[in-house]
Amino acid sequence: MAFAWKASGLSYNRYLSVASRVVRRSLKEDKRIIAERRGESELRFAKWESGKQGETKNVDAVTVAAASA
């Protein structure tokens, strides 16, 4: 028997992201603000070629650009 998140086509990381966002939004205002700040993250990546690091890019910016193209 498959897990519900797997059956719906979500990855485990995406499932955790959705679940944690739901929990944060259910908290009272003062606790919710603190929890939402903890939930923010920034992910960057860079392509390496010939042993040298290329330009560092923000994953969110690249995802938005790809979605609009």
N, C-alpha and C. Protein backbone atom coordinates (compact mmCIF):
# COMPACT_ATOMS: atom_id res chain seq x y z
N MET A 1 0.85 -1.19 0.00
CA MET A 1 0.00 0.00 0.00
C MET A 1 0.89 1.25 0.00
N ALA A 2 0.65 2.14 -0.91
CA ALA A 2 1.45 3.35 -1.03
C ALA A 2 0.98 4.41 -0.05
N PHE A 3 1.88 5.28 0.30
CA PHE A 3 1.52 6.41 1.14
C PHE A 3 0.67 7.38 0.34
N ALA A 4 -0.19 8.14 1.03
CA ALA A 4 -1.10 9.06 0.34
C ALA A 4 -0.33 10.12 -0.44
N TRP A 5 0.76 10.64 0.11
CA TRP A 5 1.53 11.67 -0.59
C TRP A 5 2.18 11.11 -1.84
N LYS A 6 2.59 9.85 -1.77
CA LYS A 6 3.23 9.21 -2.92
C LYS A 6 2.19 8.92 -4.01
N ALA A 7 1.03 8.48 -3.59
CA ALA A 7 -0.03 8.17 -4.54
C ALA A 7 -0.53 9.42 -5.26
N SER A 8 -0.44 10.57 -4.60
CA SER A 8 -0.89 11.81 -5.23
C SER A 8 0.19 12.47 -6.09
N GLY A 9 1.36 11.84 -6.17
CA GLY A 9 2.41 12.35 -7.05
C GLY A 9 3.35 13.35 -6.42
N LEU A 10 3.32 13.49 -5.10
CA LEU A 10 4.22 14.42 -4.42
C LEU A 10 5.51 13.71 -4.03
N SER A 11 6.60 14.47 -4.04
CA SER A 11 7.83 13.92 -3.47
C SER A 11 7.72 14.07 -1.95
N TYR A 12 8.57 13.37 -1.24
CA TYR A 12 8.53 13.45 0.23
C TYR A 12 8.88 14.86 0.70
N ASN A 13 9.85 15.50 0.04
CA ASN A 13 10.23 16.86 0.42
C ASN A 13 9.08 17.84 0.20
N ARG A 14 8.36 17.69 -0.90
CA ARG A 14 7.21 18.56 -1.19
C ARG A 14 6.11 18.32 -0.16
N TYR A 15 5.87 17.05 0.18
CA TYR A 15 4.88 16.70 1.20
C TYR A 15 5.22 17.38 2.53
N LEU A 16 6.48 17.30 2.94
CA LEU A 16 6.90 17.93 4.19
C LEU A 16 6.72 19.44 4.14
N SER A 17 7.02 20.03 3.00
CA SER A 17 6.86 21.47 2.84
C SER A 17 5.41 21.88 3.02
N VAL A 18 4.51 21.17 2.37
CA VAL A 18 3.07 21.47 2.47
C VAL A 18 2.58 21.26 3.89
N ALA A 19 2.96 20.16 4.50
CA ALA A 19 2.52 19.85 5.87
C ALA A 19 3.02 20.89 6.87
N SER A 20 4.27 21.29 6.75
CA SER A 20 4.81 22.27 7.69
C SER A 20 4.16 23.64 7.50
N ARG A 21 3.85 23.99 6.25
CA ARG A 21 3.17 25.26 6.00
C ARG A 21 1.78 25.26 6.62
N VAL A 22 1.06 24.15 6.53
CA VAL A 22 -0.27 24.03 7.13
C VAL A 22 -0.19 24.17 8.64
N VAL A 23 0.78 23.52 9.26
CA VAL A 23 0.94 23.61 10.71
C VAL A 23 1.27 25.04 11.12
N ARG A 24 2.19 25.70 10.41
CA ARG A 24 2.55 27.08 10.74
C ARG A 24 1.35 28.00 10.65
N ARG A 25 0.53 27.82 9.62
CA ARG A 25 -0.63 28.70 9.44
C ARG A 25 -1.72 28.44 10.46
N SER A 26 -1.71 27.30 11.12
CA SER A 26 -2.74 27.00 12.12
C SER A 26 -2.40 27.55 13.50
N LEU A 27 -1.20 28.06 13.67
CA LEU A 27 -0.78 28.59 14.98
C LEU A 27 -1.40 29.95 15.25
N LYS A 28 -1.42 30.34 16.53
CA LYS A 28 -1.88 31.67 16.89
C LYS A 28 -0.88 32.69 16.35
N GLU A 29 -1.32 33.92 16.21
CA GLU A 29 -0.57 34.97 15.52
C GLU A 29 0.88 35.12 15.99
N ASP A 30 1.12 35.24 17.29
CA ASP A 30 2.48 35.48 17.78
C ASP A 30 3.41 34.29 17.50
N LYS A 31 2.92 33.09 17.71
CA LYS A 31 3.73 31.89 17.44
C LYS A 31 3.89 31.66 15.94
N ARG A 32 2.85 32.02 15.17
CA ARG A 32 2.88 31.82 13.72
C ARG A 32 3.96 32.67 13.07
N ILE A 33 4.10 33.90 13.49
CA ILE A 33 5.11 34.79 12.91
C ILE A 33 6.51 34.24 13.15
N ILE A 34 6.77 33.77 14.36
CA ILE A 34 8.08 33.20 14.70
C ILE A 34 8.34 31.95 13.87
N ALA A 35 7.33 31.09 13.76
CA ALA A 35 7.48 29.84 13.01
C ALA A 35 7.67 30.09 11.51
N GLU A 36 6.99 31.08 10.96
CA GLU A 36 7.13 31.39 9.54
C GLU A 36 8.53 31.90 9.22
N ARG A 37 9.11 32.66 10.12
CA ARG A 37 10.49 33.13 9.90
C ARG A 37 11.46 31.96 9.87
N ARG A 38 11.23 30.97 10.73
CA ARG A 38 12.08 29.79 10.76
C ARG A 38 11.93 28.96 9.49
N GLY A 39 10.74 29.01 8.87
CA GLY A 39 10.47 28.22 7.69
C GLY A 39 11.04 28.77 6.41
N GLU A 40 11.51 30.01 6.43
CA GLU A 40 12.07 30.62 5.22
C GLU A 40 13.47 30.08 4.97
N SER A 41 13.76 29.83 3.73
CA SER A 41 15.10 29.38 3.38
C SER A 41 15.47 29.91 2.01
N GLU A 42 16.73 29.96 1.76
CA GLU A 42 17.22 30.42 0.48
C GLU A 42 18.21 29.38 -0.04
N LEU A 43 17.99 28.94 -1.23
CA LEU A 43 18.84 27.92 -1.81
C LEU A 43 19.49 28.47 -3.07
N ARG A 44 20.79 28.30 -3.15
CA ARG A 44 21.54 28.76 -4.31
C ARG A 44 22.29 27.59 -4.91
N PHE A 45 22.60 27.70 -6.19
CA PHE A 45 23.38 26.67 -6.84
C PHE A 45 24.33 27.30 -7.85
N ALA A 46 25.33 26.56 -8.22
CA ALA A 46 26.29 27.01 -9.22
C ALA A 46 26.72 25.81 -10.04
N LYS A 47 26.91 26.04 -11.33
CA LYS A 47 27.37 24.98 -12.22
C LYS A 47 28.89 25.02 -12.27
N TRP A 48 29.50 23.87 -12.13
CA TRP A 48 30.96 23.77 -12.16
C TRP A 48 31.40 23.22 -13.51
N GLU A 49 32.37 23.86 -14.13
CA GLU A 49 32.93 23.39 -15.39
C GLU A 49 34.45 23.50 -15.34
N SER A 50 35.11 22.46 -15.69
CA SER A 50 36.58 22.41 -15.72
C SER A 50 37.19 22.81 -14.38
N GLY A 51 36.55 22.41 -13.29
CA GLY A 51 37.08 22.67 -11.96
C GLY A 51 36.87 24.09 -11.46
N LYS A 52 36.07 24.89 -12.18
CA LYS A 52 35.81 26.27 -11.76
C LYS A 52 34.32 26.49 -11.58
N GLN A 53 34.01 27.20 -10.51
CA GLN A 53 32.62 27.47 -10.19
C GLN A 53 32.09 28.58 -11.09
N GLY A 54 30.89 28.34 -11.63
CA GLY A 54 30.23 29.34 -12.45
C GLY A 54 29.46 30.31 -11.59
N GLU A 55 28.58 31.05 -12.23
CA GLU A 55 27.78 32.05 -11.53
C GLU A 55 26.83 31.39 -10.53
N THR A 56 26.73 31.95 -9.34
CA THR A 56 25.81 31.45 -8.32
C THR A 56 24.43 32.03 -8.59
N LYS A 57 23.42 31.16 -8.60
CA LYS A 57 22.05 31.58 -8.90
C LYS A 57 21.12 31.15 -7.78
N ASN A 58 20.09 31.95 -7.56
CA ASN A 58 19.06 31.64 -6.57
C ASN A 58 18.06 30.68 -7.21
N VAL A 59 17.75 29.59 -6.56
CA VAL A 59 16.85 28.57 -7.11
C VAL A 59 15.46 29.15 -7.37
N ASP A 60 14.94 29.97 -6.46
CA ASP A 60 13.61 30.55 -6.65
C ASP A 60 13.54 31.41 -7.90
N ALA A 61 14.56 32.22 -8.13
CA ALA A 61 14.57 33.10 -9.31
C ALA A 61 14.63 32.29 -10.60
N VAL A 62 15.41 31.23 -10.60
CA VAL A 62 15.53 30.38 -11.79
C VAL A 62 14.21 29.65 -12.05
N THR A 63 13.56 29.19 -11.00
CA THR A 63 12.29 28.48 -11.14
C THR A 63 11.21 29.40 -11.71
N VAL A 64 11.14 30.63 -11.20
CA VAL A 64 10.15 31.60 -11.69
C VAL A 64 10.43 31.94 -13.16
N ALA A 65 11.69 32.14 -13.50
CA ALA A 65 12.06 32.47 -14.88
C ALA A 65 11.70 31.32 -15.82
N ALA A 66 11.93 30.09 -15.40
CA ALA A 66 11.63 28.92 -16.23
C ALA A 66 10.12 28.75 -16.41
N ALA A 67 9.36 29.06 -15.36
CA ALA A 67 7.91 28.90 -15.43
C ALA A 67 7.28 29.94 -16.35
N SER A 68 7.85 31.13 -16.40
CA SER A 68 7.28 32.19 -17.24
C SER A 68 7.74 32.10 -18.69
N ALA A 69 8.77 31.29 -18.96
CA ALA A 69 9.27 31.17 -20.33
C ALA A 69 8.47 30.21 -21.16
